[in-house]
Each structure stands twice: as structure tokens, then as C-alpha cells.
Amino acid sequence: MGEQTKHEAVGLLEVYGLVCAFLAADAGCKAANVRLEVFDKNKPANADSLPVPLLVTVKFRGSVADVEEAMRAAEEVALANTGIVCKHIIPRPTEDTEKMLKISALDKN
């Protein structure tokens, strides 16, 4: 893990659908000095009852202030599209959390 990443906040925004995730990520990156980590996906057991049957988590990295601003912009876009499942900002993730942030189901069949 790089020294920069070790001290960065992470913003997690779970939304309905990949298109919404791309739109939210784009808005967040344009609003603040953040970078993206790999998206993650989840297809829950009740997927057929959801607005879109796939949940995608967008992960913003940067200073706490930048992550907060990116999340605000991303949330606004997500709410205007398919919606938000959950959201959270971790100001200083532990080393174990950092490892988990690298995991993604998007590259698995």
C-alpha cells in the first residue's frame, strides 16, 4: 500500500445499477480532487424487487474534505437517477480495511 493511500479518506456510495455508478463517479470526480478505486458489485437475493437488479459501489479516495464534496455531488446525481442504497465516509481506513477496498466482484463471472 502506498504512503499516500494510507492517509486518504474513502467515500463509499452504493447505487442501483452500473450506469448510475458511472454518472455518480463522474460527478464526484468533477466536483473535487479525488480519484476512484475499483467499483464493486452485488446482486442481492431480492434483486428482482429492486429498481435495478444490480448494486454497484463507487469508491472515492482523497482528503476528507474532497471526499465529502465528491460524495455530495455523486449523491445528487444518483438520487436523480436510480437512487442510493447506502453511503459512508471512512476518514482514515485501517490497513485491513484498505485490503478489503481492493476486492471487486466486477472482474468475476
Protein backbone atom coordinates (compact mmCIF):
# COMPACT_ATOMS: atom_id res chain seq x y z
CA MET A 1 0.00 0.00 0.00
CA GLY A 2 1.40 3.38 -0.96
CA GLU A 3 2.07 6.06 1.65
CA GLN A 4 -0.46 8.39 0.00
CA THR A 5 -3.28 5.84 0.10
CA LYS A 6 -2.58 5.08 3.76
CA HIS A 7 -3.64 8.58 4.79
CA GLU A 8 -6.57 9.08 2.41
CA ALA A 9 -10.23 9.02 3.31
CA VAL A 10 -12.57 6.76 1.37
CA GLY A 11 -16.13 7.52 0.38
CA LEU A 12 -18.37 4.54 -0.39
CA LEU A 13 -21.55 5.13 -2.35
CA GLU A 14 -23.70 2.12 -3.25
CA VAL A 15 -26.20 2.78 -6.02
CA TYR A 16 -28.65 0.88 -8.19
CA GLY A 17 -27.01 -0.08 -11.49
CA LEU A 18 -23.75 0.41 -13.34
CA VAL A 19 -24.92 3.41 -15.39
CA CYS A 20 -25.87 5.27 -12.22
CA ALA A 21 -22.47 4.36 -10.74
CA PHE A 22 -20.65 5.83 -13.75
CA LEU A 23 -22.74 9.02 -13.63
CA ALA A 24 -22.18 9.43 -9.88
CA ALA A 25 -18.45 8.72 -10.18
CA ASP A 26 -18.10 11.27 -12.97
CA ALA A 27 -19.93 13.94 -10.97
CA GLY A 28 -17.85 13.26 -7.86
CA CYS A 29 -14.55 13.40 -9.73
CA LYS A 30 -15.51 16.67 -11.41
CA ALA A 31 -16.58 18.24 -8.10
CA ALA A 32 -13.46 17.50 -6.04
CA ASN A 33 -9.84 16.43 -6.13
CA VAL A 34 -10.48 12.70 -5.71
CA ARG A 35 -9.61 9.53 -7.55
CA LEU A 36 -11.61 6.36 -7.97
CA GLU A 37 -10.79 2.89 -6.76
CA VAL A 38 -12.23 -0.15 -8.49
CA PHE A 39 -16.04 -0.38 -8.34
CA ASP A 40 -17.68 -3.38 -6.71
CA LYS A 41 -20.98 -5.09 -7.47
CA ASN A 42 -23.55 -7.11 -5.61
CA LYS A 43 -26.66 -8.89 -6.81
CA PRO A 44 -28.71 -9.47 -3.67
CA ALA A 45 -31.22 -12.28 -3.20
CA ASN A 46 -34.11 -9.82 -3.60
CA ALA A 47 -32.68 -8.37 -6.84
CA ASP A 48 -35.93 -8.80 -8.77
CA SER A 49 -37.75 -6.49 -6.35
CA LEU A 50 -35.18 -3.67 -6.70
CA PRO A 51 -35.39 -0.71 -9.12
CA VAL A 52 -32.32 -2.16 -10.89
CA PRO A 53 -31.23 -5.73 -10.05
CA LEU A 54 -27.54 -4.85 -9.57
CA LEU A 55 -25.96 -2.81 -6.78
CA VAL A 56 -22.67 -1.05 -7.53
CA THR A 57 -20.33 0.61 -5.02
CA VAL A 58 -18.35 3.67 -6.10
CA LYS A 59 -15.19 4.31 -4.05
CA PHE A 60 -13.73 7.84 -3.89
CA ARG A 61 -10.25 8.46 -2.40
CA GLY A 62 -8.72 11.75 -1.26
CA SER A 63 -8.69 14.16 1.66
CA VAL A 64 -11.72 14.10 3.94
CA ALA A 65 -12.91 17.46 2.60
CA ASP A 66 -12.54 16.37 -1.03
CA VAL A 67 -14.24 13.03 -0.43
CA GLU A 68 -17.14 14.81 1.32
CA GLU A 69 -17.54 17.17 -1.65
CA ALA A 70 -17.31 14.32 -4.18
CA MET A 71 -19.90 12.34 -2.24
CA ARG A 72 -22.32 15.31 -2.18
CA ALA A 73 -22.09 15.69 -5.95
CA ALA A 74 -22.32 11.94 -6.58
CA GLU A 75 -25.32 11.56 -4.26
CA GLU A 76 -27.19 14.34 -6.06
CA VAL A 77 -26.69 12.63 -9.43
CA ALA A 78 -27.51 9.17 -8.06
CA LEU A 79 -30.75 10.41 -6.47
CA ALA A 80 -31.75 11.99 -9.79
CA ASN A 81 -31.27 8.61 -11.50
CA THR A 82 -31.89 5.17 -9.97
CA GLY A 83 -31.08 6.02 -6.33
CA ILE A 84 -28.81 5.28 -3.40
CA VAL A 85 -28.68 2.08 -1.37
CA CYS A 86 -26.22 3.30 1.28
CA LYS A 87 -23.30 5.68 1.77
CA HIS A 88 -20.44 6.14 4.19
CA ILE A 89 -17.15 8.01 4.55
CA ILE A 90 -14.21 6.44 6.40
CA PRO A 91 -11.78 9.26 7.29
CA ARG A 92 -8.75 7.03 7.84
CA PRO A 93 -9.25 3.35 6.96
CA THR A 94 -7.22 0.73 8.82
CA GLU A 95 -4.72 -1.44 6.96
CA ASP A 96 -7.16 -4.36 6.98
CA THR A 97 -9.91 -2.15 5.57
CA GLU A 98 -7.50 -0.95 2.87
CA LYS A 99 -7.01 -4.57 1.78
CA MET A 100 -10.76 -5.12 1.58
CA LEU A 101 -11.23 -1.98 -0.53
CA LYS A 102 -9.19 -3.62 -3.30
CA ILE A 103 -11.63 -6.53 -3.64
CA SER A 104 -14.08 -6.35 -6.53
CA ALA A 105 -16.62 -8.77 -7.93
CA LEU A 106 -16.80 -6.90 -11.25
CA ASP A 107 -13.98 -8.94 -12.71
CA LYS A 108 -15.63 -12.24 -11.77
CA ASN A 109 -18.29 -14.12 -13.72
